[in-house]
N, C-alpha and C. Protein backbone atom coordinates (compact mmCIF):
# COMPACT_ATOMS: atom_id res chain seq x y z
N PRO A 1 -26.17 111.06 54.25
CA PRO A 1 -27.03 112.20 53.95
C PRO A 1 -26.46 113.38 52.62
N VAL A 2 -25.49 113.25 52.53
CA VAL A 2 -24.62 114.14 51.34
C VAL A 2 -25.30 113.40 50.19
N LEU A 3 -25.09 112.31 49.62
CA LEU A 3 -25.24 111.48 48.45
C LEU A 3 -26.84 111.54 48.27
N ARG A 4 -27.88 111.10 49.79
CA ARG A 4 -28.97 111.17 49.78
C ARG A 4 -29.39 112.63 49.03
N HIS A 5 -28.96 113.44 49.78
CA HIS A 5 -29.37 114.89 48.72
C HIS A 5 -28.54 115.06 47.37
N ALA A 6 -27.63 114.95 47.19
CA ALA A 6 -26.90 115.02 45.84
C ALA A 6 -27.70 114.07 44.94
N VAL A 7 -27.99 113.03 45.01
CA VAL A 7 -28.88 112.45 43.63
C VAL A 7 -30.21 113.28 43.57
N THR A 8 -30.85 114.32 44.22
CA THR A 8 -32.02 114.73 44.05
C THR A 8 -31.72 116.14 43.36
N LEU A 9 -30.53 116.37 43.00
CA LEU A 9 -30.17 117.46 42.38
C LEU A 9 -30.43 117.79 40.85
N GLY A 10 -30.58 116.61 40.19
CA GLY A 10 -30.79 116.68 38.69
C GLY A 10 -29.78 116.35 37.94
N VAL A 11 -28.56 116.09 38.28
CA VAL A 11 -27.21 116.07 37.65
C VAL A 11 -26.40 114.96 38.22
N PRO A 12 -25.83 114.33 37.15
CA PRO A 12 -25.17 113.00 37.55
C PRO A 12 -24.05 112.79 38.95
N VAL A 13 -24.01 112.04 39.45
CA VAL A 13 -23.75 111.90 40.80
C VAL A 13 -22.35 110.80 40.58
N SER A 14 -20.95 111.05 40.99
CA SER A 14 -20.33 110.00 41.11
C SER A 14 -19.46 109.58 42.26
N VAL A 15 -19.50 108.38 42.85
CA VAL A 15 -19.02 108.19 44.12
C VAL A 15 -17.30 107.32 43.61
N ASP A 16 -16.27 108.11 44.34
CA ASP A 16 -15.05 107.35 44.48
C ASP A 16 -15.11 106.24 45.47
N THR A 17 -14.96 104.91 45.14
CA THR A 17 -14.45 104.05 46.19
C THR A 17 -14.19 102.88 45.39
N SER A 18 -13.58 101.98 46.44
CA SER A 18 -12.87 100.68 45.83
C SER A 18 -13.92 99.64 46.78
N ARG A 19 -14.58 99.81 47.47
CA ARG A 19 -15.32 98.98 48.70
C ARG A 19 -16.52 98.53 48.03
N ALA A 20 -17.17 97.48 47.88
CA ALA A 20 -18.27 96.93 47.63
C ALA A 20 -19.39 97.51 48.15
N ALA A 21 -19.20 97.35 49.65
CA ALA A 21 -20.32 97.83 50.47
C ALA A 21 -20.81 99.56 50.36
N VAL A 22 -19.68 100.35 49.89
CA VAL A 22 -19.93 101.46 49.94
C VAL A 22 -20.51 101.89 48.34
N MET A 23 -20.12 100.82 47.24
CA MET A 23 -20.61 101.21 46.41
C MET A 23 -22.05 100.85 46.19
N ARG A 24 -22.36 99.63 46.76
CA ARG A 24 -23.75 99.22 47.01
C ARG A 24 -24.59 100.06 47.42
N ALA A 25 -24.05 100.99 48.47
CA ALA A 25 -24.78 101.72 49.51
C ALA A 25 -25.29 103.03 48.53
N ALA A 26 -23.95 103.59 48.29
CA ALA A 26 -24.21 104.41 47.20
C ALA A 26 -25.05 104.55 45.72
N LEU A 27 -25.07 103.05 45.24
CA LEU A 27 -26.00 102.84 44.00
C LEU A 27 -27.22 102.84 44.38
N ASP A 28 -27.36 102.16 45.61
CA ASP A 28 -28.62 101.76 45.85
C ASP A 28 -29.36 103.25 46.19
N LEU A 29 -28.82 104.26 46.49
CA LEU A 29 -29.25 105.65 46.54
C LEU A 29 -29.56 106.33 45.18
N GLY A 30 -28.84 106.08 44.31
CA GLY A 30 -29.53 106.28 42.55
C GLY A 30 -27.96 106.83 42.33
N VAL A 31 -26.71 106.73 42.87
CA VAL A 31 -25.60 107.22 42.31
C VAL A 31 -25.38 107.07 40.62
N ASP A 32 -25.09 107.62 39.91
CA ASP A 32 -24.98 107.35 38.54
C ASP A 32 -23.54 106.58 38.09
N ILE A 33 -22.57 106.83 38.56
CA ILE A 33 -20.92 106.63 38.20
C ILE A 33 -20.45 106.02 39.59
N VAL A 34 -19.62 104.65 39.41
CA VAL A 34 -18.58 104.43 40.37
C VAL A 34 -17.11 104.87 39.70
N ASN A 35 -16.55 105.41 40.64
CA ASN A 35 -15.22 105.75 40.27
C ASN A 35 -14.06 104.77 40.92
N ASP A 36 -13.32 103.96 40.40
CA ASP A 36 -12.83 102.91 41.17
C ASP A 36 -11.34 102.96 40.87
N VAL A 37 -10.45 103.61 41.61
CA VAL A 37 -8.86 103.49 41.41
C VAL A 37 -8.33 101.96 41.56
N ARG A 38 -9.07 101.26 41.94
CA ARG A 38 -8.53 99.63 41.95
C ARG A 38 -9.32 99.00 40.62
N ALA A 39 -9.95 99.69 39.87
CA ALA A 39 -10.55 99.20 38.78
C ALA A 39 -11.55 97.86 38.96
N LEU A 40 -12.30 97.87 40.27
CA LEU A 40 -13.17 96.44 40.28
C LEU A 40 -12.43 95.35 40.69
N ARG A 41 -11.10 95.42 41.18
CA ARG A 41 -10.29 94.27 41.44
C ARG A 41 -10.73 93.74 42.95
N MET A 42 -11.34 94.80 43.81
CA MET A 42 -11.72 94.14 45.22
C MET A 42 -12.68 93.40 45.12
N PRO A 43 -13.10 92.36 46.19
CA PRO A 43 -14.01 91.32 46.31
C PRO A 43 -15.32 92.03 46.18
N GLU A 44 -16.13 91.48 45.46
CA GLU A 44 -17.67 91.60 45.20
C GLU A 44 -17.91 92.94 44.40
N THR A 45 -16.84 93.66 43.98
CA THR A 45 -17.11 94.85 43.33
C THR A 45 -17.62 94.80 41.95
N LEU A 46 -16.93 93.82 41.15
CA LEU A 46 -17.65 93.79 39.88
C LEU A 46 -19.11 93.25 39.87
N ASP A 47 -19.55 92.34 40.65
CA ASP A 47 -20.89 91.97 40.88
C ASP A 47 -21.88 92.99 41.33
N THR A 48 -21.38 93.73 42.18
CA THR A 48 -21.84 94.90 42.60
C THR A 48 -22.40 95.91 41.74
N VAL A 49 -21.66 96.41 40.91
CA VAL A 49 -21.63 97.20 39.60
C VAL A 49 -22.44 96.79 38.77
N ALA A 50 -22.09 95.25 38.43
CA ALA A 50 -23.00 94.54 37.34
C ALA A 50 -24.77 94.62 37.64
N ALA A 51 -24.67 94.44 39.00
CA ALA A 51 -26.18 94.46 39.58
C ALA A 51 -26.88 95.47 39.40
N HIS A 52 -26.16 96.89 39.31
CA HIS A 52 -27.00 97.90 39.35
C HIS A 52 -26.86 98.38 37.76
N ARG A 53 -27.77 97.88 36.81
CA ARG A 53 -27.78 98.27 35.32
C ARG A 53 -27.69 99.63 34.84
N HIS A 54 -27.91 100.42 35.70
CA HIS A 54 -28.03 102.00 35.09
C HIS A 54 -26.68 102.65 35.38
N ALA A 55 -25.83 102.15 36.32
CA ALA A 55 -24.62 102.57 36.96
C ALA A 55 -23.49 102.46 35.54
N GLY A 56 -22.67 103.71 35.37
CA GLY A 56 -21.54 103.76 34.59
C GLY A 56 -20.47 103.37 35.67
N VAL A 57 -19.25 103.07 35.29
CA VAL A 57 -18.05 102.84 35.67
C VAL A 57 -16.85 103.25 34.94
N CYS A 58 -15.93 103.87 36.15
CA CYS A 58 -14.59 104.42 35.63
C CYS A 58 -13.71 103.45 36.26
N LEU A 59 -12.93 102.70 35.27
CA LEU A 59 -12.02 101.60 35.76
C LEU A 59 -10.47 102.36 35.66
N MET A 60 -9.65 102.36 36.81
CA MET A 60 -8.60 103.25 36.61
C MET A 60 -7.46 102.31 36.76
N HIS A 61 -6.14 102.89 36.28
CA HIS A 61 -4.64 102.09 36.14
C HIS A 61 -4.27 102.77 37.35
N MET A 62 -3.56 101.74 38.26
CA MET A 62 -2.93 102.30 39.34
C MET A 62 -1.93 101.46 39.65
N LYS A 63 -0.52 101.55 39.62
CA LYS A 63 0.32 100.68 39.94
C LYS A 63 0.60 100.65 41.48
N GLY A 64 0.61 99.42 42.21
CA GLY A 64 0.72 99.32 43.69
C GLY A 64 -0.51 99.88 44.27
N GLU A 65 -0.30 100.23 45.36
CA GLU A 65 -1.35 100.73 46.60
C GLU A 65 -1.04 101.93 46.82
N PRO A 66 -2.13 102.86 47.05
CA PRO A 66 -1.96 104.21 47.19
C PRO A 66 -0.86 104.64 48.07
N ALA A 67 -0.51 104.06 49.13
CA ALA A 67 0.81 104.36 50.14
C ALA A 67 1.80 104.15 49.74
N SER A 68 1.93 103.12 48.49
CA SER A 68 3.58 103.05 48.24
C SER A 68 3.28 103.12 46.66
N MET A 69 2.78 103.79 45.95
CA MET A 69 2.62 103.76 44.56
C MET A 69 3.65 104.58 43.84
N GLN A 70 3.81 105.81 44.58
CA GLN A 70 5.31 106.59 44.01
C GLN A 70 6.32 106.13 44.49
N GLN A 71 6.65 105.23 45.35
CA GLN A 71 7.94 104.43 45.53
C GLN A 71 8.71 103.95 44.11
N ALA A 72 9.35 104.45 43.74
CA ALA A 72 10.24 104.09 42.22
C ALA A 72 9.26 103.03 41.29
N PRO A 73 8.29 104.02 40.88
CA PRO A 73 7.35 102.96 39.83
C PRO A 73 8.34 102.91 38.46
N ALA A 74 8.20 101.61 37.99
CA ALA A 74 9.10 101.30 36.55
C ALA A 74 8.10 100.31 35.85
N TYR A 75 8.21 100.74 34.56
CA TYR A 75 7.68 100.17 33.36
C TYR A 75 8.64 99.93 32.06
N ALA A 76 8.16 99.01 31.58
CA ALA A 76 9.05 98.56 30.40
C ALA A 76 8.42 99.70 29.30
N ASP A 77 7.21 99.61 29.39
CA ASP A 77 6.53 100.41 28.30
C ASP A 77 5.30 100.76 28.76
N VAL A 78 5.25 102.12 29.52
CA VAL A 78 3.82 102.68 30.40
C VAL A 78 2.72 102.12 29.56
N VAL A 79 2.73 102.73 28.17
CA VAL A 79 1.48 102.92 27.58
C VAL A 79 1.18 101.45 27.13
N ALA A 80 1.95 100.55 26.74
CA ALA A 80 1.47 99.23 26.65
C ALA A 80 1.00 98.80 27.85
N GLU A 81 1.71 98.93 28.97
CA GLU A 81 1.16 98.13 30.30
C GLU A 81 0.01 98.80 30.83
N VAL A 82 -0.37 100.00 30.65
CA VAL A 82 -1.57 100.80 31.01
C VAL A 82 -2.58 100.14 30.12
N SER A 83 -2.50 100.24 28.97
CA SER A 83 -3.33 99.70 27.74
C SER A 83 -3.66 98.46 28.25
N ALA A 84 -3.01 97.35 28.16
CA ALA A 84 -3.06 96.07 28.30
C ALA A 84 -4.06 95.70 29.89
N PHE A 85 -3.45 96.47 30.98
CA PHE A 85 -4.41 96.30 32.16
C PHE A 85 -5.63 97.24 31.91
N LEU A 86 -5.75 98.36 31.53
CA LEU A 86 -6.85 98.41 30.99
C LEU A 86 -8.13 97.51 30.56
N ALA A 87 -7.53 97.11 29.05
CA ALA A 87 -8.39 96.36 28.35
C ALA A 87 -8.66 95.00 29.00
N ALA A 88 -7.76 94.61 30.06
CA ALA A 88 -8.18 93.36 30.85
C ALA A 88 -9.27 93.99 31.70
N ARG A 89 -9.19 94.70 32.34
CA ARG A 89 -9.93 94.98 33.35
C ARG A 89 -11.48 95.52 32.80
N ALA A 90 -11.61 95.97 31.54
CA ALA A 90 -12.59 96.14 30.73
C ALA A 90 -13.28 94.81 30.28
N GLY A 91 -12.67 94.19 29.86
CA GLY A 91 -13.23 92.85 29.87
C GLY A 91 -13.42 92.05 30.60
N ALA A 92 -13.08 91.91 31.86
CA ALA A 92 -13.41 91.39 33.20
C ALA A 92 -15.05 92.21 33.58
N ALA A 93 -15.12 93.32 33.21
CA ALA A 93 -16.26 94.24 33.58
C ALA A 93 -17.39 93.66 32.67
N GLN A 94 -17.07 93.37 31.42
CA GLN A 94 -17.98 92.83 30.52
C GLN A 94 -18.28 91.55 30.69
N ALA A 95 -17.56 90.69 30.95
CA ALA A 95 -17.80 89.34 31.46
C ALA A 95 -18.75 89.30 32.59
N ALA A 96 -18.36 90.07 33.49
CA ALA A 96 -19.46 90.17 34.80
C ALA A 96 -21.03 90.91 34.48
N GLY A 97 -21.05 91.25 32.90
CA GLY A 97 -22.40 91.79 32.68
C GLY A 97 -22.63 93.27 32.82
N ILE A 98 -21.21 93.83 32.75
CA ILE A 98 -21.34 95.43 32.62
C ILE A 98 -20.97 95.63 31.20
N GLY A 99 -22.40 96.60 30.41
CA GLY A 99 -22.05 96.80 29.26
C GLY A 99 -21.07 97.54 28.86
N ALA A 100 -20.39 97.36 27.65
CA ALA A 100 -19.28 98.40 27.25
C ALA A 100 -19.75 99.80 27.22
N GLU A 101 -20.95 100.11 27.07
CA GLU A 101 -21.44 101.52 27.25
C GLU A 101 -21.46 102.10 28.19
N ARG A 102 -21.32 101.46 29.42
CA ARG A 102 -21.47 101.83 30.73
C ARG A 102 -19.87 102.00 31.14
N ILE A 103 -18.69 101.77 30.25
CA ILE A 103 -17.26 101.91 30.94
C ILE A 103 -16.74 103.05 30.52
N VAL A 104 -15.90 103.36 31.26
CA VAL A 104 -14.70 104.48 31.01
C VAL A 104 -13.56 104.21 31.49
N LEU A 105 -12.61 104.42 31.11
CA LEU A 105 -11.18 104.51 31.11
C LEU A 105 -10.46 105.67 31.77
N ASP A 106 -9.66 105.13 32.51
CA ASP A 106 -8.60 106.31 33.28
C ASP A 106 -7.05 105.57 33.36
N PRO A 107 -6.56 106.50 32.45
CA PRO A 107 -4.92 105.63 32.81
C PRO A 107 -4.20 105.92 34.08
N GLY A 108 -4.96 106.98 35.24
CA GLY A 108 -4.29 107.03 36.22
C GLY A 108 -3.21 108.04 36.00
N ILE A 109 -3.25 109.26 35.88
CA ILE A 109 -2.17 110.25 35.52
C ILE A 109 -1.73 110.15 37.11
N GLY A 110 -0.46 110.38 37.64
CA GLY A 110 -0.15 110.34 38.77
C GLY A 110 -0.26 109.28 39.64
N PHE A 111 -0.62 108.39 39.49
CA PHE A 111 -1.11 107.15 40.38
C PHE A 111 0.05 106.04 40.08
N GLY A 112 0.80 106.03 40.78
CA GLY A 112 2.31 105.14 40.44
C GLY A 112 2.84 105.23 38.96
N LYS A 113 3.03 106.61 38.51
CA LYS A 113 3.94 106.93 37.56
C LYS A 113 4.69 108.08 37.80
N THR A 114 5.68 108.10 37.21
CA THR A 114 6.85 109.43 36.94
C THR A 114 6.02 110.36 36.16
N ILE A 115 6.86 111.36 36.26
CA ILE A 115 6.74 112.50 35.42
C ILE A 115 6.88 111.99 33.96
N GLU A 116 7.87 111.63 33.81
CA GLU A 116 8.20 110.92 32.01
C GLU A 116 7.16 109.95 32.08
N HIS A 117 6.63 108.92 32.83
CA HIS A 117 5.35 108.05 32.29
C HIS A 117 4.10 108.76 32.15
N ASN A 118 3.56 110.16 33.14
CA ASN A 118 2.59 110.80 32.55
C ASN A 118 2.64 111.47 31.48
N LEU A 119 3.91 112.09 31.05
CA LEU A 119 4.36 112.70 29.79
C LEU A 119 4.12 111.64 28.56
N GLU A 120 4.50 110.48 28.61
CA GLU A 120 4.69 109.37 27.92
C GLU A 120 3.05 109.16 27.47
N LEU A 121 2.32 108.78 28.54
CA LEU A 121 0.62 108.61 28.21
C LEU A 121 -0.03 109.78 27.68
N ALA A 122 0.42 110.85 27.83
CA ALA A 122 -0.17 112.16 27.28
C ALA A 122 0.08 112.16 25.74
N ARG A 123 1.34 111.79 25.36
CA ARG A 123 2.09 111.74 23.95
C ARG A 123 1.47 110.64 23.20
N ARG A 124 0.81 109.51 23.88
CA ARG A 124 0.62 108.67 22.99
C ARG A 124 -1.21 108.25 23.69
N GLN A 125 -1.64 109.07 23.82
CA GLN A 125 -3.25 109.39 24.14
C GLN A 125 -4.21 108.07 23.21
N ARG A 126 -3.54 108.47 21.93
CA ARG A 126 -4.17 107.59 20.83
C ARG A 126 -4.47 106.16 21.20
N GLU A 127 -3.03 105.58 21.38
CA GLU A 127 -3.03 104.18 21.74
C GLU A 127 -4.19 103.85 22.81
N LEU A 128 -4.21 104.75 23.61
CA LEU A 128 -5.29 104.53 24.97
C LEU A 128 -6.69 104.66 24.21
N LEU A 129 -6.86 105.18 23.35
CA LEU A 129 -8.13 105.57 22.68
C LEU A 129 -8.46 104.41 21.92
N ALA A 130 -7.76 103.76 21.27
CA ALA A 130 -7.76 102.66 20.08
C ALA A 130 -8.23 101.21 21.32
N LEU A 131 -8.41 101.44 22.37
CA LEU A 131 -9.23 100.20 23.36
C LEU A 131 -10.56 100.57 23.13
N GLY A 132 -11.18 101.25 22.59
CA GLY A 132 -12.56 101.69 22.05
C GLY A 132 -13.73 102.28 23.15
N TYR A 133 -12.90 102.74 24.40
CA TYR A 133 -13.87 103.02 25.20
C TYR A 133 -13.43 104.60 25.41
N PRO A 134 -14.56 105.39 26.04
CA PRO A 134 -14.36 106.87 26.35
C PRO A 134 -13.11 106.84 27.17
N LEU A 135 -12.15 107.88 27.61
CA LEU A 135 -11.17 108.10 28.23
C LEU A 135 -11.37 109.19 29.27
N LEU A 136 -11.23 109.03 30.40
CA LEU A 136 -11.22 110.07 31.58
C LEU A 136 -9.61 110.39 31.87
N LEU A 137 -9.41 111.76 31.94
CA LEU A 137 -8.15 112.12 32.15
C LEU A 137 -8.16 113.00 33.31
N GLY A 138 -7.37 112.91 34.25
CA GLY A 138 -7.18 113.80 35.53
C GLY A 138 -5.83 114.41 35.80
N TRP A 139 -5.91 115.62 35.12
CA TRP A 139 -4.71 116.07 35.17
C TRP A 139 -4.50 117.07 36.31
N SER A 140 -5.55 117.50 36.46
CA SER A 140 -5.71 118.88 37.68
C SER A 140 -4.83 118.40 38.72
N ARG A 141 -4.14 119.74 39.23
CA ARG A 141 -3.21 120.26 40.21
C ARG A 141 -2.34 118.97 40.31
N LYS A 142 -2.12 117.94 39.38
CA LYS A 142 -1.16 116.67 39.62
C LYS A 142 0.16 117.26 39.91
N GLY A 143 1.03 116.57 40.56
CA GLY A 143 2.50 116.71 41.02
C GLY A 143 3.04 117.02 39.44
N THR A 144 2.77 116.06 38.48
CA THR A 144 3.76 116.63 37.21
C THR A 144 3.51 117.84 36.74
N LEU A 145 2.09 118.44 36.85
CA LEU A 145 2.32 119.62 36.54
C LEU A 145 3.05 120.79 37.23
N GLY A 146 3.30 120.41 38.70
CA GLY A 146 4.17 121.32 39.57
C GLY A 146 5.58 121.02 38.99
N GLN A 147 5.74 119.98 38.57
CA GLN A 147 7.45 119.55 38.07
C GLN A 147 7.53 120.66 37.12
N LEU A 148 6.72 120.44 36.12
CA LEU A 148 6.99 121.14 34.78
C LEU A 148 6.94 122.72 34.88
N THR A 149 6.10 123.33 35.76
CA THR A 149 6.16 124.58 35.99
C THR A 149 6.75 125.26 37.24
N GLY A 150 7.06 124.54 38.20
CA GLY A 150 7.62 125.02 39.25
C GLY A 150 6.55 125.77 40.25
N ARG A 151 5.17 125.21 40.23
CA ARG A 151 4.31 125.96 40.78
C ARG A 151 3.90 125.17 42.16
N ALA A 152 3.20 125.64 43.15
CA ALA A 152 3.14 124.86 44.18
C ALA A 152 1.63 124.58 43.78
N LEU A 153 1.08 123.80 44.60
CA LEU A 153 -0.42 122.92 44.66
C LEU A 153 -1.50 124.01 44.18
N HIS A 154 -1.55 124.91 45.06
CA HIS A 154 -2.54 126.00 44.81
C HIS A 154 -2.23 126.99 43.67
N GLU A 155 -1.22 126.80 42.90
CA GLU A 155 -0.90 127.82 41.93
C GLU A 155 -1.06 127.14 40.57
N ARG A 156 -1.69 125.82 40.36
CA ARG A 156 -1.63 124.92 39.15
C ARG A 156 -2.80 125.17 38.45
N GLN A 157 -3.66 125.92 38.73
CA GLN A 157 -5.16 126.20 37.93
C GLN A 157 -4.82 126.29 36.58
N ALA A 158 -3.73 127.35 35.90
CA ALA A 158 -3.76 127.50 34.64
C ALA A 158 -3.01 126.08 34.17
N ALA A 159 -2.19 125.53 34.69
CA ALA A 159 -1.45 124.34 33.81
C ALA A 159 -2.54 123.38 33.93
N SER A 160 -3.40 123.43 35.08
CA SER A 160 -4.51 122.33 35.06
C SER A 160 -5.48 122.32 33.82
N VAL A 161 -5.91 123.61 33.52
CA VAL A 161 -6.68 124.02 32.71
C VAL A 161 -6.29 123.53 31.09
N ALA A 162 -5.24 123.94 31.29
CA ALA A 162 -3.94 123.86 29.78
C ALA A 162 -4.26 122.31 29.76
N ALA A 163 -3.87 121.54 30.50
CA ALA A 163 -3.32 120.15 30.40
C ALA A 163 -4.96 119.42 29.92
N ALA A 164 -6.21 120.10 30.71
CA ALA A 164 -7.51 119.41 30.52
C ALA A 164 -7.78 119.74 29.10
N LEU A 165 -7.54 120.84 28.27
CA LEU A 165 -7.80 121.25 27.12
C LEU A 165 -6.80 120.30 26.11
N ALA A 166 -5.69 120.22 26.41
CA ALA A 166 -4.66 119.40 25.63
C ALA A 166 -4.96 117.87 25.55
N ALA A 167 -5.87 117.24 26.82
CA ALA A 167 -6.30 116.07 26.91
C ALA A 167 -7.57 115.80 26.08
N VAL A 168 -8.53 116.89 25.98
CA VAL A 168 -9.67 117.10 25.27
C VAL A 168 -9.44 117.05 23.70
N ALA A 169 -8.32 117.90 23.28
CA ALA A 169 -8.04 117.95 21.99
C ALA A 169 -7.54 116.53 21.31
N ALA A 170 -6.93 115.65 22.32
CA ALA A 170 -6.44 114.80 21.78
C ALA A 170 -7.37 113.53 22.33
N GLY A 171 -8.69 113.83 22.34
CA GLY A 171 -9.72 112.77 22.34
C GLY A 171 -10.49 112.37 23.82
N ALA A 172 -9.58 112.99 24.81
CA ALA A 172 -10.37 112.55 26.10
C ALA A 172 -11.94 113.04 26.21
N ALA A 173 -12.79 112.09 26.64
CA ALA A 173 -14.14 112.43 26.67
C ALA A 173 -14.69 112.91 28.14
N VAL A 174 -13.76 112.65 29.04
CA VAL A 174 -13.86 113.39 30.12
C VAL A 174 -12.77 114.04 31.06
N VAL A 175 -12.97 114.91 31.69
CA VAL A 175 -11.80 115.46 32.37
C VAL A 175 -12.15 115.50 33.84
N ARG A 176 -11.43 115.12 35.04
CA ARG A 176 -11.43 115.42 36.36
C ARG A 176 -10.86 116.98 36.58
N VAL A 177 -11.40 117.33 37.56
CA VAL A 177 -10.85 119.03 37.77
C VAL A 177 -11.43 119.04 38.99
N HIS A 178 -10.74 120.11 39.74
CA HIS A 178 -10.97 120.69 41.16
C HIS A 178 -11.75 121.97 40.92
N ASP A 179 -11.24 122.66 40.24
CA ASP A 179 -11.98 124.29 39.80
C ASP A 179 -13.00 124.25 38.54
N VAL A 180 -13.96 124.05 38.97
CA VAL A 180 -15.26 123.85 37.75
C VAL A 180 -15.37 125.08 37.06
């Protein structure tokens, strides 16, 4: 019912899911964007999004699974590994029939990454942009901002705005926020 109403409001509507059945139902209602933390790796998700020619898709990098992703994440080179993963997932999406113009990439700030990994992704954002797709950055209220500022979750609005502005200044096309 919420989605059925949301798609009538005249603004783009996004659904966050990794499940093909949820994607299909939302897309059939007219949702504009699928945001998938698993980057369309679950069964039937590539074909589901490809079948809805109007829908955009955000492919996100996440190391591990939500329940365990923050348990000692390690990378030899976080930017190289995230870039390679996102390039591969964008390639798989295009091979399934999802046009490049429908794809946005998200390096997954805070999803299986330490504060150092997140800051390295920010410092080297240009390398992610070199993949040739728009970037979505979701710094809003992240734990990294809490570690940097010493602020509790409900006190991170200024840090979230600053991080979003820095991401846009460095070329991000979309920012995910909690406080619009």
